[in-house]
Amino acid sequence: FALLTGKKQRPAVHQVSIPTASRMAQNMRLQEASALRERAQLKRIVLSYERREAEEDHRQMYRDAPQRSVIPGATFIGRPSARRRTHVPEKTANAHPF
């Protein structure tokens, strides 16, 4: 363990040996283990929140996207397909029929 001693202007750190069987050492280990469990729990909470947010964003993206037909080549009534917009040349009086 490290012991911080001294005044405000010149603190000093001294290494102190404490038996592992002492109450102080056992309490420190329990506190460290508790802090690790708490950090792991907070990490799980944050990650699950972020995962739920990402899933909701993904669902929202599909809700806002225009609906497409599940049948290949089928189009919705009233919605012209971009593939069908082709240029058809006008017939002229000088055009030859061959």
PDB file of N, CA and C in Angstrom:
ATOM      1  N   PHE A   1       0.834  -1.180   0.000  1.00  0.00           N
ATOM      2  CA  PHE A   1       0.000   0.000   0.000  1.00  0.00           C
ATOM      3  C   PHE A   1       0.873   1.235   0.000  1.00  0.00           C
ATOM      4  N   ALA A   2       0.311   2.320  -0.459  1.00  0.00           N
ATOM      5  CA  ALA A   2       1.034   3.585  -0.477  1.00  0.00           C
ATOM      6  C   ALA A   2       0.357   4.519   0.513  1.00  0.00           C
ATOM      7  N   LEU A   3       1.157   5.185   1.314  1.00  0.00           N
ATOM      8  CA  LEU A   3       0.659   6.122   2.311  1.00  0.00           C
ATOM      9  C   LEU A   3       1.103   7.521   1.902  1.00  0.00           C
ATOM     10  N   LEU A   4       0.141   8.421   1.784  1.00  0.00           N
ATOM     11  CA  LEU A   4       0.431   9.792   1.403  1.00  0.00           C
ATOM     12  C   LEU A   4       0.557  10.619   2.672  1.00  0.00           C
ATOM     13  N   THR A   5       1.687  11.244   2.858  1.00  0.00           N
ATOM     14  CA  THR A   5       1.925  12.059   4.055  1.00  0.00           C
ATOM     15  C   THR A   5       2.468  13.412   3.635  1.00  0.00           C
ATOM     16  N   GLY A   6       2.470  14.324   4.565  1.00  0.00           N
ATOM     17  CA  GLY A   6       3.066  15.623   4.306  1.00  0.00           C
ATOM     18  C   GLY A   6       2.036  16.722   4.267  1.00  0.00           C
ATOM     19  N   LYS A   7       2.515  17.897   4.027  1.00  0.00           N
ATOM     20  CA  LYS A   7       1.655  19.073   3.997  1.00  0.00           C
ATOM     21  C   LYS A   7       1.208  19.342   2.569  1.00  0.00           C
ATOM     22  N   LYS A   8       0.427  20.372   2.381  1.00  0.00           N
ATOM     23  CA  LYS A   8      -0.141  20.701   1.080  1.00  0.00           C
ATOM     24  C   LYS A   8       0.935  20.975   0.030  1.00  0.00           C
ATOM     25  N   GLN A   9       2.010  21.605   0.441  1.00  0.00           N
ATOM     26  CA  GLN A   9       3.018  21.991  -0.538  1.00  0.00           C
ATOM     27  C   GLN A   9       3.937  20.831  -0.921  1.00  0.00           C
ATOM     28  N   ARG A  10       4.249  19.949   0.005  1.00  0.00           N
ATOM     29  CA  ARG A  10       5.190  18.869  -0.285  1.00  0.00           C
ATOM     30  C   ARG A  10       4.653  17.524   0.211  1.00  0.00           C
ATOM     31  N   PRO A  11       3.710  16.952  -0.507  1.00  0.00           N
ATOM     32  CA  PRO A  11       3.251  15.620  -0.087  1.00  0.00           C
ATOM     33  C   PRO A  11       4.302  14.567  -0.420  1.00  0.00           C
ATOM     34  N   ALA A  12       4.340  13.531   0.376  1.00  0.00           N
ATOM     35  CA  ALA A  12       5.287  12.441   0.158  1.00  0.00           C
ATOM     36  C   ALA A  12       4.524  11.121   0.172  1.00  0.00           C
ATOM     37  N   VAL A  13       4.962  10.191  -0.652  1.00  0.00           N
ATOM     38  CA  VAL A  13       4.348   8.874  -0.720  1.00  0.00           C
ATOM     39  C   VAL A  13       5.325   7.874  -0.128  1.00  0.00           C
ATOM     40  N   HIS A  14       4.833   7.095   0.844  1.00  0.00           N
ATOM     41  CA  HIS A  14       5.648   6.067   1.491  1.00  0.00           C
ATOM     42  C   HIS A  14       4.989   4.715   1.261  1.00  0.00           C
ATOM     43  N   GLN A  15       5.794   3.719   0.924  1.00  0.00           N
ATOM     44  CA  GLN A  15       5.292   2.365   0.764  1.00  0.00           C
ATOM     45  C   GLN A  15       5.175   1.714   2.137  1.00  0.00           C
ATOM     46  N   VAL A  16       4.011   1.128   2.407  1.00  0.00           N
ATOM     47  CA  VAL A  16       3.760   0.493   3.693  1.00  0.00           C
ATOM     48  C   VAL A  16       3.394  -0.962   3.435  1.00  0.00           C
ATOM     49  N   SER A  17       4.054  -1.855   4.106  1.00  0.00           N
ATOM     50  CA  SER A  17       3.744  -3.279   3.978  1.00  0.00           C
ATOM     51  C   SER A  17       2.681  -3.654   4.997  1.00  0.00           C
ATOM     52  N   ILE A  18       1.603  -4.257   4.516  1.00  0.00           N
ATOM     53  CA  ILE A  18       0.506  -4.684   5.389  1.00  0.00           C
ATOM     54  C   ILE A  18       0.267  -6.162   5.108  1.00  0.00           C
ATOM     55  N   PRO A  19       0.134  -6.979   6.141  1.00  0.00           N
ATOM     56  CA  PRO A  19      -0.117  -8.410   5.934  1.00  0.00           C
ATOM     57  C   PRO A  19      -1.430  -8.625   5.172  1.00  0.00           C
ATOM     58  N   THR A  20      -1.445  -9.592   4.250  1.00  0.00           N
ATOM     59  CA  THR A  20      -2.637  -9.838   3.448  1.00  0.00           C
ATOM     60  C   THR A  20      -3.792 -10.374   4.271  1.00  0.00           C
ATOM     61  N   ALA A  21      -3.502 -10.928   5.454  1.00  0.00           N
ATOM     62  CA  ALA A  21      -4.566 -11.472   6.304  1.00  0.00           C
ATOM     63  C   ALA A  21      -5.212 -10.384   7.166  1.00  0.00           C
ATOM     64  N   SER A  22      -4.681  -9.174   7.154  1.00  0.00           N
ATOM     65  CA  SER A  22      -5.241  -8.117   8.000  1.00  0.00           C
ATOM     66  C   SER A  22      -6.597  -7.658   7.465  1.00  0.00           C
ATOM     67  N   ARG A  23      -7.384  -7.104   8.376  1.00  0.00           N
ATOM     68  CA  ARG A  23      -8.706  -6.599   8.005  1.00  0.00           C
ATOM     69  C   ARG A  23      -8.632  -5.500   6.949  1.00  0.00           C
ATOM     70  N   MET A  24      -7.661  -4.638   7.083  1.00  0.00           N
ATOM     71  CA  MET A  24      -7.521  -3.525   6.145  1.00  0.00           C
ATOM     72  C   MET A  24      -7.280  -4.038   4.728  1.00  0.00           C
ATOM     73  N   ALA A  25      -6.386  -5.012   4.577  1.00  0.00           N
ATOM     74  CA  ALA A  25      -6.093  -5.572   3.258  1.00  0.00           C
ATOM     75  C   ALA A  25      -7.314  -6.293   2.699  1.00  0.00           C
ATOM     76  N   GLN A  26      -8.024  -7.028   3.532  1.00  0.00           N
ATOM     77  CA  GLN A  26      -9.220  -7.737   3.075  1.00  0.00           C
ATOM     78  C   GLN A  26     -10.307  -6.763   2.633  1.00  0.00           C
ATOM     79  N   ASN A  27     -10.492  -5.684   3.413  1.00  0.00           N
ATOM     80  CA  ASN A  27     -11.490  -4.681   3.045  1.00  0.00           C
ATOM     81  C   ASN A  27     -11.132  -3.983   1.733  1.00  0.00           C
ATOM     82  N   MET A  28      -9.854  -3.699   1.533  1.00  0.00           N
ATOM     83  CA  MET A  28      -9.424  -3.065   0.286  1.00  0.00           C
ATOM     84  C   MET A  28      -9.699  -3.981  -0.908  1.00  0.00           C
ATOM     85  N   ARG A  29      -9.402  -5.286  -0.738  1.00  0.00           N
ATOM     86  CA  ARG A  29      -9.676  -6.225  -1.830  1.00  0.00           C
ATOM     87  C   ARG A  29     -11.171  -6.312  -2.120  1.00  0.00           C
ATOM     88  N   LEU A  30     -12.006  -6.314  -1.075  1.00  0.00           N
ATOM     89  CA  LEU A  30     -13.455  -6.349  -1.265  1.00  0.00           C
ATOM     90  C   LEU A  30     -13.945  -5.089  -1.982  1.00  0.00           C
ATOM     91  N   GLN A  31     -13.408  -3.942  -1.605  1.00  0.00           N
ATOM     92  CA  GLN A  31     -13.803  -2.690  -2.256  1.00  0.00           C
ATOM     93  C   GLN A  31     -13.387  -2.684  -3.724  1.00  0.00           C
ATOM     94  N   GLU A  32     -12.193  -3.162  -4.023  1.00  0.00           N
ATOM     95  CA  GLU A  32     -11.731  -3.215  -5.407  1.00  0.00           C
ATOM     96  C   GLU A  32     -12.597  -4.170  -6.237  1.00  0.00           C
ATOM     97  N   ALA A  33     -12.937  -5.318  -5.662  1.00  0.00           N
ATOM     98  CA  ALA A  33     -13.791  -6.276  -6.373  1.00  0.00           C
ATOM     99  C   ALA A  33     -15.178  -5.683  -6.603  1.00  0.00           C
ATOM    100  N   SER A  34     -15.690  -4.970  -5.608  1.00  0.00           N
ATOM    101  CA  SER A  34     -17.003  -4.334  -5.742  1.00  0.00           C
ATOM    102  C   SER A  34     -16.973  -3.255  -6.825  1.00  0.00           C
ATOM    103  N   ALA A  35     -15.900  -2.483  -6.863  1.00  0.00           N
ATOM    104  CA  ALA A  35     -15.773  -1.442  -7.892  1.00  0.00           C
ATOM    105  C   ALA A  35     -15.683  -2.069  -9.283  1.00  0.00           C
ATOM    106  N   LEU A  36     -14.974  -3.182  -9.418  1.00  0.00           N
ATOM    107  CA  LEU A  36     -14.891  -3.870 -10.710  1.00  0.00           C
ATOM    108  C   LEU A  36     -16.263  -4.378 -11.150  1.00  0.00           C
ATOM    109  N   ARG A  37     -17.024  -4.961 -10.218  1.00  0.00           N
ATOM    110  CA  ARG A  37     -18.367  -5.442 -10.557  1.00  0.00           C
ATOM    111  C   ARG A  37     -19.265  -4.289 -10.973  1.00  0.00           C
ATOM    112  N   GLU A  38     -19.165  -3.165 -10.261  1.00  0.00           N
ATOM    113  CA  GLU A  38     -19.989  -2.005 -10.594  1.00  0.00           C
ATOM    114  C   GLU A  38     -19.632  -1.460 -11.979  1.00  0.00           C
ATOM    115  N   ARG A  39     -18.341  -1.377 -12.301  1.00  0.00           N
ATOM    116  CA  ARG A  39     -17.925  -0.910 -13.628  1.00  0.00           C
ATOM    117  C   ARG A  39     -18.411  -1.846 -14.722  1.00  0.00           C
ATOM    118  N   ALA A  40     -18.338  -3.167 -14.459  1.00  0.00           N
ATOM    119  CA  ALA A  40     -18.802  -4.135 -15.457  1.00  0.00           C
ATOM    120  C   ALA A  40     -20.310  -4.015 -15.665  1.00  0.00           C
ATOM    121  N   GLN A  41     -21.053  -3.805 -14.575  1.00  0.00           N
ATOM    122  CA  GLN A  41     -22.499  -3.646 -14.689  1.00  0.00           C
ATOM    123  C   GLN A  41     -22.851  -2.375 -15.472  1.00  0.00           C
ATOM    124  N   LEU A  42     -22.169  -1.269 -15.176  1.00  0.00           N
ATOM    125  CA  LEU A  42     -22.410  -0.035 -15.916  1.00  0.00           C
ATOM    126  C   LEU A  42     -22.063  -0.193 -17.392  1.00  0.00           C
ATOM    127  N   LYS A  43     -20.999  -0.917 -17.679  1.00  0.00           N
ATOM    128  CA  LYS A  43     -20.618  -1.152 -19.068  1.00  0.00           C
ATOM    129  C   LYS A  43     -21.708  -1.934 -19.787  1.00  0.00           C
ATOM    130  N   ARG A  44     -22.241  -2.982 -19.134  1.00  0.00           N
ATOM    131  CA  ARG A  44     -23.327  -3.761 -19.747  1.00  0.00           C
ATOM    132  C   ARG A  44     -24.548  -2.882 -19.995  1.00  0.00           C
ATOM    133  N   ILE A  45     -24.886  -2.017 -19.044  1.00  0.00           N
ATOM    134  CA  ILE A  45     -26.050  -1.140 -19.189  1.00  0.00           C
ATOM    135  C   ILE A  45     -25.857  -0.187 -20.362  1.00  0.00           C
ATOM    136  N   VAL A  46     -24.692   0.432 -20.436  1.00  0.00           N
ATOM    137  CA  VAL A  46     -24.418   1.394 -21.511  1.00  0.00           C
ATOM    138  C   VAL A  46     -24.423   0.700 -22.869  1.00  0.00           C
ATOM    139  N   LEU A  47     -23.777  -0.463 -22.956  1.00  0.00           N
ATOM    140  CA  LEU A  47     -23.742  -1.176 -24.232  1.00  0.00           C
ATOM    141  C   LEU A  47     -25.124  -1.645 -24.660  1.00  0.00           C
ATOM    142  N   SER A  48     -25.945  -2.090 -23.708  1.00  0.00           N
ATOM    143  CA  SER A  48     -27.298  -2.516 -24.084  1.00  0.00           C
ATOM    144  C   SER A  48     -28.132  -1.312 -24.520  1.00  0.00           C
ATOM    145  N   TYR A  49     -27.937  -0.168 -23.872  1.00  0.00           N
ATOM    146  CA  TYR A  49     -28.645   1.047 -24.284  1.00  0.00           C
ATOM    147  C   TYR A  49     -28.229   1.449 -25.698  1.00  0.00           C
ATOM    148  N   GLU A  50     -26.927   1.418 -25.979  1.00  0.00           N
ATOM    149  CA  GLU A  50     -26.442   1.777 -27.313  1.00  0.00           C
ATOM    150  C   GLU A  50     -26.951   0.792 -28.363  1.00  0.00           C
ATOM    151  N   ARG A  51     -27.012  -0.503 -28.007  1.00  0.00           N
ATOM    152  CA  ARG A  51     -27.524  -1.503 -28.945  1.00  0.00           C
ATOM    153  C   ARG A  51     -29.004  -1.253 -29.242  1.00  0.00           C
ATOM    154  N   ARG A  52     -29.783  -0.945 -28.201  1.00  0.00           N
ATOM    155  CA  ARG A  52     -31.207  -0.656 -28.412  1.00  0.00           C
ATOM    156  C   ARG A  52     -31.388   0.590 -29.265  1.00  0.00           C
ATOM    157  N   GLU A  53     -30.569   1.618 -29.041  1.00  0.00           N
ATOM    158  CA  GLU A  53     -30.642   2.831 -29.851  1.00  0.00           C
ATOM    159  C   GLU A  53     -30.324   2.526 -31.310  1.00  0.00           C
ATOM    160  N   ALA A  54     -29.293   1.718 -31.548  1.00  0.00           N
ATOM    161  CA  ALA A  54     -28.918   1.374 -32.920  1.00  0.00           C
ATOM    162  C   ALA A  54     -30.032   0.567 -33.591  1.00  0.00           C
ATOM    163  N   GLU A  55     -30.636  -0.354 -32.846  1.00  0.00           N
ATOM    164  CA  GLU A  55     -31.739  -1.140 -33.416  1.00  0.00           C
ATOM    165  C   GLU A  55     -32.924  -0.242 -33.742  1.00  0.00           C
ATOM    166  N   GLU A  56     -33.228   0.701 -32.874  1.00  0.00           N
ATOM    167  CA  GLU A  56     -34.344   1.617 -33.113  1.00  0.00           C
ATOM    168  C   GLU A  56     -34.057   2.507 -34.324  1.00  0.00           C
ATOM    169  N   ASP A  57     -32.820   2.983 -34.451  1.00  0.00           N
ATOM    170  CA  ASP A  57     -32.445   3.777 -35.622  1.00  0.00           C
ATOM    171  C   ASP A  57     -32.591   2.954 -36.896  1.00  0.00           C
ATOM    172  N   HIS A  58     -32.199   1.692 -36.824  1.00  0.00           N
ATOM    173  CA  HIS A  58     -32.300   0.802 -37.978  1.00  0.00           C
ATOM    174  C   HIS A  58     -33.771   0.597 -38.349  1.00  0.00           C
ATOM    175  N   ARG A  59     -34.613   0.336 -37.342  1.00  0.00           N
ATOM    176  CA  ARG A  59     -36.050   0.168 -37.606  1.00  0.00           C
ATOM    177  C   ARG A  59     -36.650   1.440 -38.179  1.00  0.00           C
ATOM    178  N   GLN A  60     -36.270   2.589 -37.636  1.00  0.00           N
ATOM    179  CA  GLN A  60     -36.789   3.872 -38.108  1.00  0.00           C
ATOM    180  C   GLN A  60     -36.377   4.114 -39.551  1.00  0.00           C
ATOM    181  N   MET A  61     -35.164   3.725 -39.897  1.00  0.00           N
ATOM    182  CA  MET A  61     -34.692   3.901 -41.263  1.00  0.00           C
ATOM    183  C   MET A  61     -35.568   3.091 -42.227  1.00  0.00           C
ATOM    184  N   TYR A  62     -35.934   1.869 -41.847  1.00  0.00           N
ATOM    185  CA  TYR A  62     -36.776   1.053 -42.718  1.00  0.00           C
ATOM    186  C   TYR A  62     -38.217   1.557 -42.739  1.00  0.00           C
ATOM    187  N   ARG A  63     -38.690   2.144 -41.630  1.00  0.00           N
ATOM    188  CA  ARG A  63     -40.040   2.715 -41.624  1.00  0.00           C
ATOM    189  C   ARG A  63     -40.130   3.912 -42.557  1.00  0.00           C
ATOM    190  N   ASP A  64     -39.067   4.713 -42.606  1.00  0.00           N
ATOM    191  CA  ASP A  64     -39.064   5.924 -43.421  1.00  0.00           C
ATOM    192  C   ASP A  64     -38.728   5.649 -44.886  1.00  0.00           C
ATOM    193  N   ALA A  65     -38.157   4.490 -45.186  1.00  0.00           N
ATOM    194  CA  ALA A  65     -37.763   4.171 -46.559  1.00  0.00           C
ATOM    195  C   ALA A  65     -39.008   3.902 -47.406  1.00  0.00           C
ATOM    196  N   PRO A  66     -38.971   4.246 -48.695  1.00  0.00           N
ATOM    197  CA  PRO A  66     -40.118   3.939 -49.556  1.00  0.00           C
ATOM    198  C   PRO A  66     -40.310   2.433 -49.662  1.00  0.00           C
ATOM    199  N   GLN A  67     -41.561   2.023 -49.707  1.00  0.00           N
ATOM    200  CA  GLN A  67     -41.886   0.599 -49.766  1.00  0.00           C
ATOM    201  C   GLN A  67     -41.574   0.048 -51.153  1.00  0.00           C
ATOM    202  N   ARG A  68     -41.033  -1.125 -51.194  1.00  0.00           N
ATOM    203  CA  ARG A  68     -40.717  -1.795 -52.450  1.00  0.00           C
ATOM    204  C   ARG A  68     -41.507  -3.099 -52.511  1.00  0.00           C
ATOM    205  N   SER A  69     -41.807  -3.516 -53.710  1.00  0.00           N
ATOM    206  CA  SER A  69     -42.539  -4.754 -53.916  1.00  0.00           C
ATOM    207  C   SER A  69     -41.616  -5.940 -53.693  1.00  0.00           C
ATOM    208  N   VAL A  70     -42.169  -7.026 -53.168  1.00  0.00           N
ATOM    209  CA  VAL A  70     -41.364  -8.223 -52.976  1.00  0.00           C
ATOM    210  C   VAL A  70     -41.355  -9.085 -54.227  1.00  0.00           C
ATOM    211  N   ILE A  71     -42.202  -8.772 -55.207  1.00  0.00           N
ATOM    212  CA  ILE A  71     -42.252  -9.520 -56.454  1.00  0.00           C
ATOM    213  C   ILE A  71     -41.322  -8.831 -57.449  1.00  0.00           C
ATOM    214  N   PRO A  72     -40.325  -9.552 -57.980  1.00  0.00           N
ATOM    215  CA  PRO A  72     -39.396  -8.918 -58.930  1.00  0.00           C
ATOM    216  C   PRO A  72     -40.133  -8.397 -60.157  1.00  0.00           C
ATOM    217  N   GLY A  73     -39.856  -7.183 -60.519  1.00  0.00           N
ATOM    218  CA  GLY A  73     -40.456  -6.585 -61.702  1.00  0.00           C
ATOM    219  C   GLY A  73     -41.797  -5.935 -61.460  1.00  0.00           C
ATOM    220  N   ALA A  74     -42.410  -6.172 -60.302  1.00  0.00           N
ATOM    221  CA  ALA A  74     -43.711  -5.577 -60.009  1.00  0.00           C
ATOM    222  C   ALA A  74     -43.512  -4.158 -59.500  1.00  0.00           C
ATOM    223  N   THR A  75     -44.449  -3.295 -59.816  1.00  0.00           N
ATOM    224  CA  THR A  75     -44.389  -1.921 -59.342  1.00  0.00           C
ATOM    225  C   THR A  75     -45.704  -1.575 -58.684  1.00  0.00           C
ATOM    226  N   PHE A  76     -45.670  -0.571 -57.837  1.00  0.00           N
ATOM    227  CA  PHE A  76     -46.886  -0.101 -57.193  1.00  0.00           C
ATOM    228  C   PHE A  76     -47.687   0.734 -58.176  1.00  0.00           C
ATOM    229  N   ILE A  77     -48.983   0.671 -58.060  1.00  0.00           N
ATOM    230  CA  ILE A  77     -49.849   1.484 -58.911  1.00  0.00           C
ATOM    231  C   ILE A  77     -49.691   2.939 -58.495  1.00  0.00           C
ATOM    232  N   GLY A  78     -49.523   3.801 -59.462  1.00  0.00           N
ATOM    233  CA  GLY A  78     -49.394   5.224 -59.168  1.00  0.00           C
ATOM    234  C   GLY A  78     -47.961   5.668 -58.962  1.00  0.00           C
ATOM    235  N   ARG A  79     -47.051   4.744 -58.937  1.00  0.00           N
ATOM    236  CA  ARG A  79     -45.636   5.098 -58.787  1.00  0.00           C
ATOM    237  C   ARG A  79     -44.894   4.649 -60.033  1.00  0.00           C
ATOM    238  N   PRO A  80     -44.516   5.562 -60.892  1.00  0.00           N
ATOM    239  CA  PRO A  80     -43.809   5.148 -62.106  1.00  0.00           C
ATOM    240  C   PRO A  80     -42.424   4.621 -61.763  1.00  0.00           C
ATOM    241  N   SER A  81     -42.071   3.564 -62.416  1.00  0.00           N
ATOM    242  CA  SER A  81     -40.765   2.959 -62.196  1.00  0.00           C
ATOM    243  C   SER A  81     -39.718   3.711 -63.008  1.00  0.00           C
ATOM    244  N   ALA A  82     -38.542   3.865 -62.471  1.00  0.00           N
ATOM    245  CA  ALA A  82     -37.460   4.559 -63.167  1.00  0.00           C
ATOM    246  C   ALA A  82     -37.012   3.756 -64.386  1.00  0.00           C
ATOM    247  N   ARG A  83     -37.159   2.434 -64.331  1.00  0.00           N
ATOM    248  CA  ARG A  83     -36.741   1.599 -65.447  1.00  0.00           C
ATOM    249  C   ARG A  83     -37.669   1.746 -66.649  1.00  0.00           C
ATOM    250  N   ARG A  84     -38.901   2.114 -66.420  1.00  0.00           N
ATOM    251  CA  ARG A  84     -39.857   2.220 -67.513  1.00  0.00           C
ATOM    252  C   ARG A  84     -39.760   3.551 -68.255  1.00  0.00           C
ATOM    253  N   ARG A  85     -39.059   4.482 -67.723  1.00  0.00           N
ATOM    254  CA  ARG A  85     -38.930   5.790 -68.364  1.00  0.00           C
ATOM    255  C   ARG A  85     -37.879   5.700 -69.467  1.00  0.00           C
ATOM    256  N   THR A  86     -38.321   5.377 -70.641  1.00  0.00           N
ATOM    257  CA  THR A  86     -37.398   5.298 -71.773  1.00  0.00           C
ATOM    258  C   THR A  86     -37.833   6.307 -72.817  1.00  0.00           C
ATOM    259  N   HIS A  87     -36.888   6.742 -73.569  1.00  0.00           N
ATOM    260  CA  HIS A  87     -37.179   7.727 -74.610  1.00  0.00           C
ATOM    261  C   HIS A  87     -37.716   7.009 -75.842  1.00  0.00           C
ATOM    262  N   VAL A  88     -38.882   7.414 -76.279  1.00  0.00           N
ATOM    263  CA  VAL A  88     -39.476   6.864 -77.501  1.00  0.00           C
ATOM    264  C   VAL A  88     -39.403   7.951 -78.552  1.00  0.00           C
ATOM    265  N   PRO A  89     -38.672   7.700 -79.665  1.00  0.00           N
ATOM    266  CA  PRO A  89     -38.543   8.753 -80.684  1.00  0.00           C
ATOM    267  C   PRO A  89     -39.888   8.988 -81.375  1.00  0.00           C
ATOM    268  N   GLU A  90     -40.134  10.229 -81.682  1.00  0.00           N
ATOM    269  CA  GLU A  90     -41.381  10.582 -82.372  1.00  0.00           C
ATOM    270  C   GLU A  90     -41.297  10.168 -83.824  1.00  0.00           C
ATOM    271  N   LYS A  91     -42.426   9.790 -84.395  1.00  0.00           N
ATOM    272  CA  LYS A  91     -42.464   9.423 -85.809  1.00  0.00           C
ATOM    273  C   LYS A  91     -42.520  10.704 -86.634  1.00  0.00           C
ATOM    274  N   THR A  92     -41.734  10.728 -87.638  1.00  0.00           N
ATOM    275  CA  THR A  92     -41.726  11.890 -88.526  1.00  0.00           C
ATOM    276  C   THR A  92     -42.253  11.510 -89.897  1.00  0.00           C
ATOM    277  N   ALA A  93     -42.666  12.466 -90.639  1.00  0.00           N
ATOM    278  CA  ALA A  93     -43.218  12.227 -91.970  1.00  0.00           C
ATOM    279  C   ALA A  93     -42.150  11.714 -92.933  1.00  0.00           C
ATOM    280  N   ASN A  94     -40.886  12.018 -92.710  1.00  0.00           N
ATOM    281  CA  ASN A  94     -39.809  11.611 -93.619  1.00  0.00           C
ATOM    282  C   ASN A  94     -39.216  10.262 -93.258  1.00  0.00           C
ATOM    283  N   ALA A  95     -39.684   9.636 -92.221  1.00  0.00           N
ATOM    284  CA  ALA A  95     -39.094   8.378 -91.782  1.00  0.00           C
ATOM    285  C   ALA A  95     -39.409   7.258 -92.772  1.00  0.00           C
ATOM    286  N   HIS A  96     -38.435   6.419 -93.038  1.00  0.00           N
ATOM    287  CA  HIS A  96     -38.625   5.302 -93.960  1.00  0.00           C
ATOM    288  C   HIS A  96     -39.126   4.094 -93.180  1.00  0.00           C
ATOM    289  N   PRO A  97     -40.046   3.306 -93.740  1.00  0.00           N
ATOM    290  CA  PRO A  97     -40.633   2.193 -93.031  1.00  0.00           C
ATOM    291  C   PRO A  97     -39.751   0.952 -92.954  1.00  0.00           C
ATOM    292  N   PHE A  98     -38.549   0.923 -93.471  1.00  0.00           N
ATOM    293  CA  PHE A  98     -37.742  -0.281 -93.387  1.00  0.00           C
ATOM    294  C   PHE A  98     -36.900  -0.216 -92.200  1.00  0.00           C
TER     295      PHE A  98
END
